[in-house]
Each structure stands twice: as C-alpha cells, then as structure tokens.
Amino acid sequence: MQCWHCEKNINEKPWDHLKNIDDISDEGKPIKVDKYICGYICYRRLKQKNILPKNLWDHVVNKEDYK
C-alpha cells in the first residue's frame, strides 16, 4: 500500500487507514477506495490542502488507535 500524500510504500500498519474515499477509476467512473496515510505530517498536509473528507471520522478504519 502507498501513502495517499507522499506515495511512500507502507510495509507495516499505516498511521491511518481510510475507507470509502471518492476516487476516479481508470475508465473515468467514480468509485470508492481505501486510502492510507503513513504519518501525521502527511495527514497535516492533506488537511491543509482540503483533500480529506469533511466527515473524516466516518471513514477511519483504525479507530482503536485514537482512543
């Protein structure tokens, strides 16, 4: 898997795993995909660019990491 922001390969558990993120398929059709973030810095950069969905918590898979 690759980081959504920096595209670095993530070999272990990602810092954040998001599901049902809007994307476009190779055929140009809208699809829902999983996205991964390698660390807090990439998360912050995605947030600053307003790329993350507004209701981010609904997309987080690894919620147990934030309790």
PDB file of N, CA and C in Angstrom:
ATOM      1  N   MET A   1       0.835  -1.176   0.000  1.00  0.00           N
ATOM      2  CA  MET A   1       0.000   0.000   0.000  1.00  0.00           C
ATOM      3  C   MET A   1       0.879   1.238   0.000  1.00  0.00           C
ATOM      4  N   GLN A   2       0.344   2.333  -0.510  1.00  0.00           N
ATOM      5  CA  GLN A   2       1.090   3.574  -0.604  1.00  0.00           C
ATOM      6  C   GLN A   2       0.390   4.679   0.165  1.00  0.00           C
ATOM      7  N   CYS A   3       1.196   5.611   0.670  1.00  0.00           N
ATOM      8  CA  CYS A   3       0.649   6.777   1.358  1.00  0.00           C
ATOM      9  C   CYS A   3      -0.103   7.638   0.354  1.00  0.00           C
ATOM     10  N   TRP A   4      -1.254   8.111   0.764  1.00  0.00           N
ATOM     11  CA  TRP A   4      -2.103   8.943  -0.079  1.00  0.00           C
ATOM     12  C   TRP A   4      -1.376  10.229  -0.466  1.00  0.00           C
ATOM     13  N   HIS A   5      -0.577  10.784   0.436  1.00  0.00           N
ATOM     14  CA  HIS A   5       0.080  12.057   0.160  1.00  0.00           C
ATOM     15  C   HIS A   5       1.446  11.901  -0.506  1.00  0.00           C
ATOM     16  N   CYS A   6       2.377  11.248   0.168  1.00  0.00           N
ATOM     17  CA  CYS A   6       3.763  11.186  -0.333  1.00  0.00           C
ATOM     18  C   CYS A   6       4.031   9.985  -1.241  1.00  0.00           C
ATOM     19  N   GLU A   7       3.090   9.060  -1.309  1.00  0.00           N
ATOM     20  CA  GLU A   7       3.168   7.853  -2.142  1.00  0.00           C
ATOM     21  C   GLU A   7       4.286   6.901  -1.731  1.00  0.00           C
ATOM     22  N   LYS A   8       4.809   7.077  -0.506  1.00  0.00           N
ATOM     23  CA  LYS A   8       5.812   6.154   0.026  1.00  0.00           C
ATOM     24  C   LYS A   8       5.152   4.802   0.279  1.00  0.00           C
ATOM     25  N   ASN A   9       5.864   3.713   0.006  1.00  0.00           N
ATOM     26  CA  ASN A   9       5.341   2.380   0.311  1.00  0.00           C
ATOM     27  C   ASN A   9       5.251   2.196   1.817  1.00  0.00           C
ATOM     28  N   ILE A  10       4.126   1.701   2.279  1.00  0.00           N
ATOM     29  CA  ILE A  10       3.905   1.426   3.701  1.00  0.00           C
ATOM     30  C   ILE A  10       3.925  -0.087   3.860  1.00  0.00           C
ATOM     31  N   ASN A  11       4.938  -0.613   4.537  1.00  0.00           N
ATOM     32  CA  ASN A  11       5.086  -2.059   4.693  1.00  0.00           C
ATOM     33  C   ASN A  11       4.455  -2.576   5.976  1.00  0.00           C
ATOM     34  N   GLU A  12       4.298  -1.704   6.964  1.00  0.00           N
ATOM     35  CA  GLU A  12       3.680  -2.109   8.229  1.00  0.00           C
ATOM     36  C   GLU A  12       2.318  -1.445   8.349  1.00  0.00           C
ATOM     37  N   LYS A  13       1.766  -1.441   9.539  1.00  0.00           N
ATOM     38  CA  LYS A  13       0.464  -0.821   9.753  1.00  0.00           C
ATOM     39  C   LYS A  13       0.541   0.677   9.466  1.00  0.00           C
ATOM     40  N   PRO A  14      -0.379   1.207   8.649  1.00  0.00           N
ATOM     41  CA  PRO A  14      -0.350   2.640   8.349  1.00  0.00           C
ATOM     42  C   PRO A  14      -0.776   3.457   9.562  1.00  0.00           C
ATOM     43  N   TRP A  15      -0.362   4.714   9.596  1.00  0.00           N
ATOM     44  CA  TRP A  15      -0.764   5.616  10.671  1.00  0.00           C
ATOM     45  C   TRP A  15      -2.275   5.798  10.650  1.00  0.00           C
ATOM     46  N   ASP A  16      -2.842   5.865   9.442  1.00  0.00           N
ATOM     47  CA  ASP A  16      -4.290   5.992   9.300  1.00  0.00           C
ATOM     48  C   ASP A  16      -4.744   5.208   8.076  1.00  0.00           C
ATOM     49  N   HIS A  17      -5.870   4.520   8.219  1.00  0.00           N
ATOM     50  CA  HIS A  17      -6.489   3.746   7.144  1.00  0.00           C
ATOM     51  C   HIS A  17      -7.893   4.293   6.970  1.00  0.00           C
ATOM     52  N   LEU A  18      -8.190   4.786   5.781  1.00  0.00           N
ATOM     53  CA  LEU A  18      -9.492   5.381   5.493  1.00  0.00           C
ATOM     54  C   LEU A  18     -10.219   4.536   4.457  1.00  0.00           C
ATOM     55  N   LYS A  19     -11.536   4.419   4.606  1.00  0.00           N
ATOM     56  CA  LYS A  19     -12.347   3.632   3.667  1.00  0.00           C
ATOM     57  C   LYS A  19     -13.382   4.529   2.993  1.00  0.00           C
ATOM     58  N   ASN A  20     -13.891   4.045   1.874  1.00  0.00           N
ATOM     59  CA  ASN A  20     -14.957   4.725   1.128  1.00  0.00           C
ATOM     60  C   ASN A  20     -14.592   6.151   0.733  1.00  0.00           C
ATOM     61  N   ILE A  21     -13.369   6.328   0.240  1.00  0.00           N
ATOM     62  CA  ILE A  21     -12.927   7.635  -0.232  1.00  0.00           C
ATOM     63  C   ILE A  21     -13.244   7.739  -1.724  1.00  0.00           C
ATOM     64  N   ASP A  22     -13.835   8.850  -2.131  1.00  0.00           N
ATOM     65  CA  ASP A  22     -14.189   9.059  -3.532  1.00  0.00           C
ATOM     66  C   ASP A  22     -12.938   9.142  -4.392  1.00  0.00           C
ATOM     67  N   ASP A  23     -12.968   8.461  -5.526  1.00  0.00           N
ATOM     68  CA  ASP A  23     -11.864   8.465  -6.478  1.00  0.00           C
ATOM     69  C   ASP A  23     -12.444   8.225  -7.865  1.00  0.00           C
ATOM     70  N   ILE A  24     -11.587   8.245  -8.864  1.00  0.00           N
ATOM     71  CA  ILE A  24     -11.995   8.001 -10.242  1.00  0.00           C
ATOM     72  C   ILE A  24     -11.256   6.761 -10.751  1.00  0.00           C
ATOM     73  N   SER A  25     -11.989   5.824 -11.349  1.00  0.00           N
ATOM     74  CA  SER A  25     -11.379   4.605 -11.890  1.00  0.00           C
ATOM     75  C   SER A  25     -10.598   4.924 -13.160  1.00  0.00           C
ATOM     76  N   ASP A  26      -9.847   3.949 -13.640  1.00  0.00           N
ATOM     77  CA  ASP A  26      -9.099   4.104 -14.890  1.00  0.00           C
ATOM     78  C   ASP A  26     -10.031   4.381 -16.075  1.00  0.00           C
ATOM     79  N   GLU A  27     -11.270   3.941 -15.955  1.00  0.00           N
ATOM     80  CA  GLU A  27     -12.253   4.172 -17.014  1.00  0.00           C
ATOM     81  C   GLU A  27     -12.949   5.521 -16.879  1.00  0.00           C
ATOM     82  N   GLY A  28     -12.600   6.283 -15.824  1.00  0.00           N
ATOM     83  CA  GLY A  28     -13.195   7.598 -15.618  1.00  0.00           C
ATOM     84  C   GLY A  28     -14.480   7.594 -14.825  1.00  0.00           C
ATOM     85  N   LYS A  29     -14.796   6.453 -14.200  1.00  0.00           N
ATOM     86  CA  LYS A  29     -16.034   6.353 -13.421  1.00  0.00           C
ATOM     87  C   LYS A  29     -15.743   6.600 -11.943  1.00  0.00           C
ATOM     88  N   PRO A  30     -16.689   7.225 -11.224  1.00  0.00           N
ATOM     89  CA  PRO A  30     -16.488   7.441  -9.781  1.00  0.00           C
ATOM     90  C   PRO A  30     -16.542   6.110  -9.018  1.00  0.00           C
ATOM     91  N   ILE A  31     -15.599   5.925  -8.102  1.00  0.00           N
ATOM     92  CA  ILE A  31     -15.538   4.716  -7.277  1.00  0.00           C
ATOM     93  C   ILE A  31     -15.191   5.098  -5.843  1.00  0.00           C
ATOM     94  N   LYS A  32     -15.368   4.152  -4.936  1.00  0.00           N
ATOM     95  CA  LYS A  32     -14.969   4.304  -3.534  1.00  0.00           C
ATOM     96  C   LYS A  32     -13.761   3.411  -3.297  1.00  0.00           C
ATOM     97  N   VAL A  33     -12.715   3.953  -2.676  1.00  0.00           N
ATOM     98  CA  VAL A  33     -11.482   3.199  -2.444  1.00  0.00           C
ATOM     99  C   VAL A  33     -10.990   3.398  -1.009  1.00  0.00           C
ATOM    100  N   ASP A  34     -10.055   2.546  -0.609  1.00  0.00           N
ATOM    101  CA  ASP A  34      -9.352   2.715   0.655  1.00  0.00           C
ATOM    102  C   ASP A  34      -8.110   3.557   0.401  1.00  0.00           C
ATOM    103  N   LYS A  35      -7.789   4.431   1.352  1.00  0.00           N
ATOM    104  CA  LYS A  35      -6.581   5.256   1.276  1.00  0.00           C
ATOM    105  C   LYS A  35      -5.819   5.073   2.571  1.00  0.00           C
ATOM    106  N   TYR A  36      -4.509   5.251   2.511  1.00  0.00           N
ATOM    107  CA  TYR A  36      -3.636   5.067   3.668  1.00  0.00           C
ATOM    108  C   TYR A  36      -2.765   6.302   3.831  1.00  0.00           C
ATOM    109  N   ILE A  37      -2.471   6.649   5.078  1.00  0.00           N
ATOM    110  CA  ILE A  37      -1.599   7.778   5.389  1.00  0.00           C
ATOM    111  C   ILE A  37      -0.468   7.255   6.254  1.00  0.00           C
ATOM    112  N   CYS A  38       0.776   7.579   5.859  1.00  0.00           N
ATOM    113  CA  CYS A  38       1.940   6.998   6.544  1.00  0.00           C
ATOM    114  C   CYS A  38       2.228   7.648   7.890  1.00  0.00           C
ATOM    115  N   GLY A  39       1.870   8.917   8.086  1.00  0.00           N
ATOM    116  CA  GLY A  39       2.186   9.579   9.346  1.00  0.00           C
ATOM    117  C   GLY A  39       1.456  10.900   9.502  1.00  0.00           C
ATOM    118  N   TYR A  40       1.683  11.517  10.647  1.00  0.00           N
ATOM    119  CA  TYR A  40       0.990  12.755  10.988  1.00  0.00           C
ATOM    120  C   TYR A  40       1.324  13.882  10.021  1.00  0.00           C
ATOM    121  N   ILE A  41       2.559  13.976   9.579  1.00  0.00           N
ATOM    122  CA  ILE A  41       2.943  15.060   8.671  1.00  0.00           C
ATOM    123  C   ILE A  41       2.152  14.977   7.368  1.00  0.00           C
ATOM    124  N   CYS A  42       2.022  13.780   6.807  1.00  0.00           N
ATOM    125  CA  CYS A  42       1.236  13.624   5.576  1.00  0.00           C
ATOM    126  C   CYS A  42      -0.236  13.910   5.841  1.00  0.00           C
ATOM    127  N   TYR A  43      -0.743  13.504   7.000  1.00  0.00           N
ATOM    128  CA  TYR A  43      -2.131  13.824   7.370  1.00  0.00           C
ATOM    129  C   TYR A  43      -2.319  15.340   7.395  1.00  0.00           C
ATOM    130  N   ARG A  44      -1.396  16.058   8.045  1.00  0.00           N
ATOM    131  CA  ARG A  44      -1.497  17.515   8.155  1.00  0.00           C
ATOM    132  C   ARG A  44      -1.472  18.183   6.788  1.00  0.00           C
ATOM    133  N   ARG A  45      -0.615  17.689   5.907  1.00  0.00           N
ATOM    134  CA  ARG A  45      -0.525  18.274   4.566  1.00  0.00           C
ATOM    135  C   ARG A  45      -1.795  18.033   3.757  1.00  0.00           C
ATOM    136  N   LEU A  46      -2.375  16.840   3.881  1.00  0.00           N
ATOM    137  CA  LEU A  46      -3.648  16.568   3.208  1.00  0.00           C
ATOM    138  C   LEU A  46      -4.745  17.472   3.757  1.00  0.00           C
ATOM    139  N   LYS A  47      -4.731  17.681   5.068  1.00  0.00           N
ATOM    140  CA  LYS A  47      -5.740  18.539   5.705  1.00  0.00           C
ATOM    141  C   LYS A  47      -5.570  19.987   5.262  1.00  0.00           C
ATOM    142  N   GLN A  48      -4.338  20.468   5.200  1.00  0.00           N
ATOM    143  CA  GLN A  48      -4.080  21.847   4.777  1.00  0.00           C
ATOM    144  C   GLN A  48      -4.526  22.092   3.338  1.00  0.00           C
ATOM    145  N   LYS A  49      -4.441  21.067   2.509  1.00  0.00           N
ATOM    146  CA  LYS A  49      -4.851  21.187   1.101  1.00  0.00           C
ATOM    147  C   LYS A  49      -6.335  20.918   0.914  1.00  0.00           C
ATOM    148  N   ASN A  50      -7.061  20.677   2.018  1.00  0.00           N
ATOM    149  CA  ASN A  50      -8.501  20.373   1.982  1.00  0.00           C
ATOM    150  C   ASN A  50      -8.821  19.168   1.106  1.00  0.00           C
ATOM    151  N   ILE A  51      -7.962  18.151   1.159  1.00  0.00           N
ATOM    152  CA  ILE A  51      -8.168  16.928   0.383  1.00  0.00           C
ATOM    153  C   ILE A  51      -8.960  15.896   1.175  1.00  0.00           C
ATOM    154  N   LEU A  52      -8.846  15.927   2.488  1.00  0.00           N
ATOM    155  CA  LEU A  52      -9.545  14.955   3.336  1.00  0.00           C
ATOM    156  C   LEU A  52     -11.039  15.230   3.338  1.00  0.00           C
ATOM    157  N   PRO A  53     -11.861  14.182   3.458  1.00  0.00           N
ATOM    158  CA  PRO A  53     -13.310  14.401   3.529  1.00  0.00           C
ATOM    159  C   PRO A  53     -13.683  15.149   4.810  1.00  0.00           C
ATOM    160  N   LYS A  54     -14.760  15.905   4.751  1.00  0.00           N
ATOM    161  CA  LYS A  54     -15.206  16.711   5.896  1.00  0.00           C
ATOM    162  C   LYS A  54     -15.545  15.845   7.110  1.00  0.00           C
ATOM    163  N   ASN A  55     -16.195  14.722   6.890  1.00  0.00           N
ATOM    164  CA  ASN A  55     -16.593  13.810   7.970  1.00  0.00           C
ATOM    165  C   ASN A  55     -15.560  12.685   8.100  1.00  0.00           C
ATOM    166  N   LEU A  56     -14.319  13.047   8.339  1.00  0.00           N
ATOM    167  CA  LEU A  56     -13.198  12.107   8.326  1.00  0.00           C
ATOM    168  C   LEU A  56     -13.416  10.917   9.259  1.00  0.00           C
ATOM    169  N   TRP A  57     -13.953  11.144  10.459  1.00  0.00           N
ATOM    170  CA  TRP A  57     -14.113  10.068  11.444  1.00  0.00           C
ATOM    171  C   TRP A  57     -14.953   8.923  10.889  1.00  0.00           C
ATOM    172  N   ASP A  58     -15.928   9.218  10.046  1.00  0.00           N
ATOM    173  CA  ASP A  58     -16.764   8.175   9.447  1.00  0.00           C
ATOM    174  C   ASP A  58     -15.961   7.269   8.508  1.00  0.00           C
ATOM    175  N   HIS A  59     -14.825   7.733   8.017  1.00  0.00           N
ATOM    176  CA  HIS A  59     -14.000   6.983   7.076  1.00  0.00           C
ATOM    177  C   HIS A  59     -12.859   6.218   7.742  1.00  0.00           C
ATOM    178  N   VAL A  60     -12.563   6.525   8.993  1.00  0.00           N
ATOM    179  CA  VAL A  60     -11.424   5.915   9.685  1.00  0.00           C
ATOM    180  C   VAL A  60     -11.721   4.454  10.009  1.00  0.00           C
ATOM    181  N   VAL A  61     -10.823   3.571   9.605  1.00  0.00           N
ATOM    182  CA  VAL A  61     -10.951   2.134   9.887  1.00  0.00           C
ATOM    183  C   VAL A  61     -10.298   1.802  11.228  1.00  0.00           C
ATOM    184  N   ASN A  62      -9.142   2.366  11.496  1.00  0.00           N
ATOM    185  CA  ASN A  62      -8.370   2.034  12.708  1.00  0.00           C
ATOM    186  C   ASN A  62      -8.701   2.980  13.870  1.00  0.00           C
ATOM    187  N   LYS A  63      -9.981   3.084  14.200  1.00  0.00           N
ATOM    188  CA  LYS A  63     -10.436   3.987  15.272  1.00  0.00           C
ATOM    189  C   LYS A  63      -9.847   3.625  16.628  1.00  0.00           C
ATOM    190  N   GLU A  64      -9.530   2.355  16.839  1.00  0.00           N
ATOM    191  CA  GLU A  64      -8.973   1.936  18.130  1.00  0.00           C
ATOM    192  C   GLU A  64      -7.628   2.595  18.405  1.00  0.00           C
ATOM    193  N   ASP A  65      -6.930   3.068  17.385  1.00  0.00           N
ATOM    194  CA  ASP A  65      -5.643   3.728  17.568  1.00  0.00           C
ATOM    195  C   ASP A  65      -5.792   5.142  18.116  1.00  0.00           C
ATOM    196  N   TYR A  66      -6.996   5.663  18.160  1.00  0.00           N
ATOM    197  CA  TYR A  66      -7.231   7.054  18.574  1.00  0.00           C
ATOM    198  C   TYR A  66      -7.995   7.185  19.872  1.00  0.00           C
ATOM    199  N   LYS A  67      -8.144   6.115  20.618  1.00  0.00           N
ATOM    200  CA  LYS A  67      -8.849   6.184  21.899  1.00  0.00           C
ATOM    201  C   LYS A  67      -7.891   6.454  23.021  1.00  0.00           C
TER     202      LYS A  67
END
